[in-house]
Amino acid sequence: MPIYTHSQGSDERCRNYEQENSEAVAEKNKTKQLTLRIPDHLHKAFKLTAVKQGRSMGAVTIELIEKYVKKSI
């Protein structure tokens, strides 16, 4: 079993890592709102399908957009 000793500067490296990691998480979690107008019948069908799958319409929409963007690259 290794023995870990405190070395000079390790606290600072740890703080830097934590700050960089929290900034990356914050950047990943930024969101934008998308407003979309769709026909009433399509909205009802979409909502019903999402509910049957136990998913939110937003989660399904994000998945579809991600697939669309990947396909286009």
PDB file of N, CA and C in Angstrom:
ATOM      1  N   MET A   1       0.846  -1.169   0.000  1.00  0.00           N
ATOM      2  CA  MET A   1       0.000   0.000   0.000  1.00  0.00           C
ATOM      3  C   MET A   1       0.895   1.237   0.000  1.00  0.00           C
ATOM      4  N   PRO A   2       0.701   2.147  -0.995  1.00  0.00           N
ATOM      5  CA  PRO A   2       1.573   3.317  -1.066  1.00  0.00           C
ATOM      6  C   PRO A   2       1.274   4.298   0.064  1.00  0.00           C
ATOM      7  N   ILE A   3       2.304   5.020   0.458  1.00  0.00           N
ATOM      8  CA  ILE A   3       2.152   6.059   1.467  1.00  0.00           C
ATOM      9  C   ILE A   3       2.228   7.391   0.753  1.00  0.00           C
ATOM     10  N   TYR A   4       1.205   8.204   0.935  1.00  0.00           N
ATOM     11  CA  TYR A   4       1.154   9.503   0.288  1.00  0.00           C
ATOM     12  C   TYR A   4       1.608  10.569   1.265  1.00  0.00           C
ATOM     13  N   THR A   5       2.514  11.405   0.811  1.00  0.00           N
ATOM     14  CA  THR A   5       2.980  12.507   1.652  1.00  0.00           C
ATOM     15  C   THR A   5       2.584  13.813   0.996  1.00  0.00           C
ATOM     16  N   HIS A   6       2.464  14.814   1.809  1.00  0.00           N
ATOM     17  CA  HIS A   6       2.083  16.136   1.329  1.00  0.00           C
ATOM     18  C   HIS A   6       3.296  16.791   0.694  1.00  0.00           C
ATOM     19  N   SER A   7       3.198  17.165  -0.556  1.00  0.00           N
ATOM     20  CA  SER A   7       4.301  17.854  -1.201  1.00  0.00           C
ATOM     21  C   SER A   7       3.911  19.309  -1.419  1.00  0.00           C
ATOM     22  N   GLN A   8       4.919  20.146  -1.431  1.00  0.00           N
ATOM     23  CA  GLN A   8       4.665  21.566  -1.598  1.00  0.00           C
ATOM     24  C   GLN A   8       4.004  21.809  -2.949  1.00  0.00           C
ATOM     25  N   GLY A   9       2.913  22.553  -2.970  1.00  0.00           N
ATOM     26  CA  GLY A   9       2.216  22.876  -4.203  1.00  0.00           C
ATOM     27  C   GLY A   9       1.076  21.941  -4.545  1.00  0.00           C
ATOM     28  N   SER A  10       0.946  20.828  -3.838  1.00  0.00           N
ATOM     29  CA  SER A  10      -0.119  19.883  -4.183  1.00  0.00           C
ATOM     30  C   SER A  10      -1.498  20.481  -3.921  1.00  0.00           C
ATOM     31  N   ASP A  11      -1.638  21.281  -2.863  1.00  0.00           N
ATOM     32  CA  ASP A  11      -2.919  21.933  -2.587  1.00  0.00           C
ATOM     33  C   ASP A  11      -3.310  22.863  -3.724  1.00  0.00           C
ATOM     34  N   GLU A  12      -2.339  23.595  -4.239  1.00  0.00           N
ATOM     35  CA  GLU A  12      -2.607  24.526  -5.333  1.00  0.00           C
ATOM     36  C   GLU A  12      -2.996  23.769  -6.605  1.00  0.00           C
ATOM     37  N   ARG A  13      -2.294  22.669  -6.903  1.00  0.00           N
ATOM     38  CA  ARG A  13      -2.638  21.869  -8.078  1.00  0.00           C
ATOM     39  C   ARG A  13      -4.051  21.305  -7.935  1.00  0.00           C
ATOM     40  N   CYS A  14      -4.398  20.887  -6.736  1.00  0.00           N
ATOM     41  CA  CYS A  14      -5.730  20.341  -6.475  1.00  0.00           C
ATOM     42  C   CYS A  14      -6.792  21.420  -6.680  1.00  0.00           C
ATOM     43  N   ARG A  15      -6.534  22.622  -6.159  1.00  0.00           N
ATOM     44  CA  ARG A  15      -7.491  23.727  -6.337  1.00  0.00           C
ATOM     45  C   ARG A  15      -7.647  24.073  -7.816  1.00  0.00           C
ATOM     46  N   ASN A  16      -6.529  24.104  -8.550  1.00  0.00           N
ATOM     47  CA  ASN A  16      -6.587  24.403  -9.980  1.00  0.00           C
ATOM     48  C   ASN A  16      -7.408  23.362 -10.727  1.00  0.00           C
ATOM     49  N   TYR A  17      -7.192  22.082 -10.394  1.00  0.00           N
ATOM     50  CA  TYR A  17      -7.949  21.001 -11.031  1.00  0.00           C
ATOM     51  C   TYR A  17      -9.436  21.153 -10.739  1.00  0.00           C
ATOM     52  N   GLU A  18      -9.774  21.400  -9.475  1.00  0.00           N
ATOM     53  CA  GLU A  18     -11.181  21.546  -9.089  1.00  0.00           C
ATOM     54  C   GLU A  18     -11.823  22.720  -9.808  1.00  0.00           C
ATOM     55  N   GLN A  19     -11.091  23.834  -9.931  1.00  0.00           N
ATOM     56  CA  GLN A  19     -11.629  25.002 -10.616  1.00  0.00           C
ATOM     57  C   GLN A  19     -11.842  24.711 -12.098  1.00  0.00           C
ATOM     58  N   GLU A  20     -10.861  24.091 -12.745  1.00  0.00           N
ATOM     59  CA  GLU A  20     -10.994  23.760 -14.164  1.00  0.00           C
ATOM     60  C   GLU A  20     -12.142  22.788 -14.382  1.00  0.00           C
ATOM     61  N   ASN A  21     -12.286  21.789 -13.506  1.00  0.00           N
ATOM     62  CA  ASN A  21     -13.338  20.798 -13.624  1.00  0.00           C
ATOM     63  C   ASN A  21     -14.703  21.448 -13.437  1.00  0.00           C
ATOM     64  N   SER A  22     -14.843  22.327 -12.458  1.00  0.00           N
ATOM     65  CA  SER A  22     -16.137  22.967 -12.224  1.00  0.00           C
ATOM     66  C   SER A  22     -16.491  23.903 -13.374  1.00  0.00           C
ATOM     67  N   GLU A  23     -15.503  24.558 -13.979  1.00  0.00           N
ATOM     68  CA  GLU A  23     -15.764  25.416 -15.135  1.00  0.00           C
ATOM     69  C   GLU A  23     -16.222  24.585 -16.327  1.00  0.00           C
ATOM     70  N   ALA A  24     -15.623  23.417 -16.521  1.00  0.00           N
ATOM     71  CA  ALA A  24     -16.020  22.543 -17.625  1.00  0.00           C
ATOM     72  C   ALA A  24     -17.444  22.044 -17.430  1.00  0.00           C
ATOM     73  N   VAL A  25     -17.787  21.676 -16.205  1.00  0.00           N
ATOM     74  CA  VAL A  25     -19.147  21.212 -15.908  1.00  0.00           C
ATOM     75  C   VAL A  25     -20.141  22.344 -16.120  1.00  0.00           C
ATOM     76  N   ALA A  26     -19.811  23.544 -15.662  1.00  0.00           N
ATOM     77  CA  ALA A  26     -20.704  24.694 -15.833  1.00  0.00           C
ATOM     78  C   ALA A  26     -20.919  24.993 -17.312  1.00  0.00           C
ATOM     79  N   GLU A  27     -19.853  24.916 -18.106  1.00  0.00           N
ATOM     80  CA  GLU A  27     -19.966  25.169 -19.541  1.00  0.00           C
ATOM     81  C   GLU A  27     -20.858  24.126 -20.202  1.00  0.00           C
ATOM     82  N   LYS A  28     -20.702  22.872 -19.805  1.00  0.00           N
ATOM     83  CA  LYS A  28     -21.501  21.791 -20.375  1.00  0.00           C
ATOM     84  C   LYS A  28     -22.977  21.943 -20.028  1.00  0.00           C
ATOM     85  N   ASN A  29     -23.270  22.485 -18.855  1.00  0.00           N
ATOM     86  CA  ASN A  29     -24.645  22.589 -18.392  1.00  0.00           C
ATOM     87  C   ASN A  29     -25.356  23.857 -18.835  1.00  0.00           C
ATOM     88  N   LYS A  30     -24.689  24.731 -19.571  1.00  0.00           N
ATOM     89  CA  LYS A  30     -25.361  25.921 -20.081  1.00  0.00           C
ATOM     90  C   LYS A  30     -26.416  25.486 -21.091  1.00  0.00           C
ATOM     91  N   THR A  31     -27.539  26.161 -21.080  1.00  0.00           N
ATOM     92  CA  THR A  31     -28.614  25.797 -22.002  1.00  0.00           C
ATOM     93  C   THR A  31     -29.160  27.025 -22.705  1.00  0.00           C
ATOM     94  N   LYS A  32     -29.846  26.793 -23.775  1.00  0.00           N
ATOM     95  CA  LYS A  32     -30.578  27.813 -24.523  1.00  0.00           C
ATOM     96  C   LYS A  32     -32.000  27.316 -24.691  1.00  0.00           C
ATOM     97  N   GLN A  33     -32.915  28.248 -24.780  1.00  0.00           N
ATOM     98  CA  GLN A  33     -34.319  27.877 -24.972  1.00  0.00           C
ATOM     99  C   GLN A  33     -34.640  27.882 -26.460  1.00  0.00           C
ATOM    100  N   LEU A  34     -35.379  26.887 -26.887  1.00  0.00           N
ATOM    101  CA  LEU A  34     -35.811  26.754 -28.269  1.00  0.00           C
ATOM    102  C   LEU A  34     -37.331  26.758 -28.295  1.00  0.00           C
ATOM    103  N   THR A  35     -37.897  27.697 -29.011  1.00  0.00           N
ATOM    104  CA  THR A  35     -39.352  27.758 -29.152  1.00  0.00           C
ATOM    105  C   THR A  35     -39.708  27.228 -30.530  1.00  0.00           C
ATOM    106  N   LEU A  36     -40.665  26.332 -30.558  1.00  0.00           N
ATOM    107  CA  LEU A  36     -41.012  25.649 -31.796  1.00  0.00           C
ATOM    108  C   LEU A  36     -42.518  25.596 -31.942  1.00  0.00           C
ATOM    109  N   ARG A  37     -43.021  25.954 -33.082  1.00  0.00           N
ATOM    110  CA  ARG A  37     -44.459  25.859 -33.353  1.00  0.00           C
ATOM    111  C   ARG A  37     -44.689  24.655 -34.266  1.00  0.00           C
ATOM    112  N   ILE A  38     -45.512  23.730 -33.774  1.00  0.00           N
ATOM    113  CA  ILE A  38     -45.831  22.537 -34.555  1.00  0.00           C
ATOM    114  C   ILE A  38     -47.346  22.360 -34.559  1.00  0.00           C
ATOM    115  N   PRO A  39     -47.865  21.625 -35.541  1.00  0.00           N
ATOM    116  CA  PRO A  39     -49.307  21.391 -35.591  1.00  0.00           C
ATOM    117  C   PRO A  39     -49.800  20.692 -34.319  1.00  0.00           C
ATOM    118  N   ASP A  40     -51.004  21.010 -33.924  1.00  0.00           N
ATOM    119  CA  ASP A  40     -51.606  20.477 -32.709  1.00  0.00           C
ATOM    120  C   ASP A  40     -51.595  18.953 -32.689  1.00  0.00           C
ATOM    121  N   HIS A  41     -51.978  18.327 -33.810  1.00  0.00           N
ATOM    122  CA  HIS A  41     -52.035  16.862 -33.836  1.00  0.00           C
ATOM    123  C   HIS A  41     -50.659  16.237 -33.635  1.00  0.00           C
ATOM    124  N   LEU A  42     -49.624  16.871 -34.166  1.00  0.00           N
ATOM    125  CA  LEU A  42     -48.267  16.352 -34.014  1.00  0.00           C
ATOM    126  C   LEU A  42     -47.802  16.516 -32.561  1.00  0.00           C
ATOM    127  N   HIS A  43     -48.142  17.632 -31.942  1.00  0.00           N
ATOM    128  CA  HIS A  43     -47.796  17.856 -30.542  1.00  0.00           C
ATOM    129  C   HIS A  43     -48.444  16.800 -29.653  1.00  0.00           C
ATOM    130  N   LYS A  44     -49.706  16.535 -29.876  1.00  0.00           N
ATOM    131  CA  LYS A  44     -50.420  15.533 -29.074  1.00  0.00           C
ATOM    132  C   LYS A  44     -49.792  14.154 -29.245  1.00  0.00           C
ATOM    133  N   ALA A  45     -49.486  13.783 -30.482  1.00  0.00           N
ATOM    134  CA  ALA A  45     -48.886  12.475 -30.750  1.00  0.00           C
ATOM    135  C   ALA A  45     -47.493  12.380 -30.133  1.00  0.00           C
ATOM    136  N   PHE A  46     -46.726  13.456 -30.227  1.00  0.00           N
ATOM    137  CA  PHE A  46     -45.374  13.493 -29.668  1.00  0.00           C
ATOM    138  C   PHE A  46     -45.430  13.356 -28.147  1.00  0.00           C
ATOM    139  N   LYS A  47     -46.304  14.119 -27.516  1.00  0.00           N
ATOM    140  CA  LYS A  47     -46.441  14.073 -26.062  1.00  0.00           C
ATOM    141  C   LYS A  47     -46.877  12.679 -25.597  1.00  0.00           C
ATOM    142  N   LEU A  48     -47.861  12.104 -26.264  1.00  0.00           N
ATOM    143  CA  LEU A  48     -48.354  10.780 -25.900  1.00  0.00           C
ATOM    144  C   LEU A  48     -47.251   9.732 -26.024  1.00  0.00           C
ATOM    145  N   THR A  49     -46.502   9.797 -27.107  1.00  0.00           N
ATOM    146  CA  THR A  49     -45.416   8.842 -27.319  1.00  0.00           C
ATOM    147  C   THR A  49     -44.334   8.992 -26.256  1.00  0.00           C
ATOM    148  N   ALA A  50     -43.961  10.230 -25.940  1.00  0.00           N
ATOM    149  CA  ALA A  50     -42.945  10.476 -24.918  1.00  0.00           C
ATOM    150  C   ALA A  50     -43.407   9.966 -23.557  1.00  0.00           C
ATOM    151  N   VAL A  51     -44.675  10.217 -23.208  1.00  0.00           N
ATOM    152  CA  VAL A  51     -45.214   9.761 -21.928  1.00  0.00           C
ATOM    153  C   VAL A  51     -45.208   8.238 -21.858  1.00  0.00           C
ATOM    154  N   LYS A  52     -45.599   7.587 -22.936  1.00  0.00           N
ATOM    155  CA  LYS A  52     -45.601   6.118 -22.968  1.00  0.00           C
ATOM    156  C   LYS A  52     -44.199   5.558 -22.737  1.00  0.00           C
ATOM    157  N   GLN A  53     -43.185   6.286 -23.189  1.00  0.00           N
ATOM    158  CA  GLN A  53     -41.797   5.855 -23.034  1.00  0.00           C
ATOM    159  C   GLN A  53     -41.190   6.327 -21.714  1.00  0.00           C
ATOM    160  N   GLY A  54     -41.966   7.091 -20.945  1.00  0.00           N
ATOM    161  CA  GLY A  54     -41.462   7.610 -19.676  1.00  0.00           C
ATOM    162  C   GLY A  54     -40.403   8.673 -19.840  1.00  0.00           C
ATOM    163  N   ARG A  55     -40.486   9.414 -20.927  1.00  0.00           N
ATOM    164  CA  ARG A  55     -39.486  10.441 -21.227  1.00  0.00           C
ATOM    165  C   ARG A  55     -40.159  11.784 -21.371  1.00  0.00           C
ATOM    166  N   SER A  56     -39.369  12.829 -21.250  1.00  0.00           N
ATOM    167  CA  SER A  56     -39.911  14.164 -21.488  1.00  0.00           C
ATOM    168  C   SER A  56     -39.767  14.504 -22.966  1.00  0.00           C
ATOM    169  N   MET A  57     -40.617  15.395 -23.410  1.00  0.00           N
ATOM    170  CA  MET A  57     -40.527  15.837 -24.800  1.00  0.00           C
ATOM    171  C   MET A  57     -39.191  16.540 -25.044  1.00  0.00           C
ATOM    172  N   GLY A  58     -38.721  17.270 -24.038  1.00  0.00           N
ATOM    173  CA  GLY A  58     -37.435  17.955 -24.158  1.00  0.00           C
ATOM    174  C   GLY A  58     -36.283  16.985 -24.341  1.00  0.00           C
ATOM    175  N   ALA A  59     -36.271  15.908 -23.557  1.00  0.00           N
ATOM    176  CA  ALA A  59     -35.194  14.913 -23.663  1.00  0.00           C
ATOM    177  C   ALA A  59     -35.199  14.252 -25.042  1.00  0.00           C
ATOM    178  N   VAL A  60     -36.385  13.949 -25.544  1.00  0.00           N
ATOM    179  CA  VAL A  60     -36.492  13.336 -26.874  1.00  0.00           C
ATOM    180  C   VAL A  60     -36.017  14.322 -27.935  1.00  0.00           C
ATOM    181  N   THR A  61     -36.406  15.579 -27.802  1.00  0.00           N
ATOM    182  CA  THR A  61     -36.009  16.606 -28.774  1.00  0.00           C
ATOM    183  C   THR A  61     -34.494  16.763 -28.795  1.00  0.00           C
ATOM    184  N   ILE A  62     -33.864  16.801 -27.631  1.00  0.00           N
ATOM    185  CA  ILE A  62     -32.403  16.927 -27.565  1.00  0.00           C
ATOM    186  C   ILE A  62     -31.743  15.729 -28.233  1.00  0.00           C
ATOM    187  N   GLU A  63     -32.251  14.532 -27.965  1.00  0.00           N
ATOM    188  CA  GLU A  63     -31.691  13.331 -28.590  1.00  0.00           C
ATOM    189  C   GLU A  63     -31.803  13.404 -30.117  1.00  0.00           C
ATOM    190  N   LEU A  64     -32.945  13.830 -30.607  1.00  0.00           N
ATOM    191  CA  LEU A  64     -33.141  13.932 -32.052  1.00  0.00           C
ATOM    192  C   LEU A  64     -32.216  14.977 -32.672  1.00  0.00           C
ATOM    193  N   ILE A  65     -32.037  16.108 -31.996  1.00  0.00           N
ATOM    194  CA  ILE A  65     -31.146  17.154 -32.510  1.00  0.00           C
ATOM    195  C   ILE A  65     -29.702  16.664 -32.515  1.00  0.00           C
ATOM    196  N   GLU A  66     -29.289  15.966 -31.455  1.00  0.00           N
ATOM    197  CA  GLU A  66     -27.929  15.417 -31.412  1.00  0.00           C
ATOM    198  C   GLU A  66     -27.686  14.444 -32.555  1.00  0.00           C
ATOM    199  N   LYS A  67     -28.646  13.570 -32.822  1.00  0.00           N
ATOM    200  CA  LYS A  67     -28.518  12.613 -33.933  1.00  0.00           C
ATOM    201  C   LYS A  67     -28.460  13.353 -35.273  1.00  0.00           C
ATOM    202  N   TYR A  68     -29.273  14.367 -35.430  1.00  0.00           N
ATOM    203  CA  TYR A  68     -29.305  15.155 -36.668  1.00  0.00           C
ATOM    204  C   TYR A  68     -27.961  15.843 -36.908  1.00  0.00           C
ATOM    205  N   VAL A  69     -27.406  16.432 -35.856  1.00  0.00           N
ATOM    206  CA  VAL A  69     -26.128  17.143 -35.980  1.00  0.00           C
ATOM    207  C   VAL A  69     -25.007  16.155 -36.283  1.00  0.00           C
ATOM    208  N   LYS A  70     -24.966  15.006 -35.607  1.00  0.00           N
ATOM    209  CA  LYS A  70     -23.935  13.997 -35.870  1.00  0.00           C
ATOM    210  C   LYS A  70     -24.004  13.513 -37.315  1.00  0.00           C
ATOM    211  N   LYS A  71     -25.216  13.316 -37.803  1.00  0.00           N
ATOM    212  CA  LYS A  71     -25.417  12.825 -39.170  1.00  0.00           C
ATOM    213  C   LYS A  71     -24.926  13.853 -40.196  1.00  0.00           C
ATOM    214  N   SER A  72     -25.037  15.127 -39.857  1.00  0.00           N
ATOM    215  CA  SER A  72     -24.685  16.198 -40.780  1.00  0.00           C
ATOM    216  C   SER A  72     -23.192  16.480 -40.819  1.00  0.00           C
ATOM    217  N   ILE A  73     -22.453  15.948 -39.862  1.00  0.00           N
ATOM    218  CA  ILE A  73     -20.998  16.244 -39.798  1.00  0.00           C
ATOM    219  C   ILE A  73     -20.232  15.342 -40.727  1.00  0.00           C
TER     220      ILE A  73
END
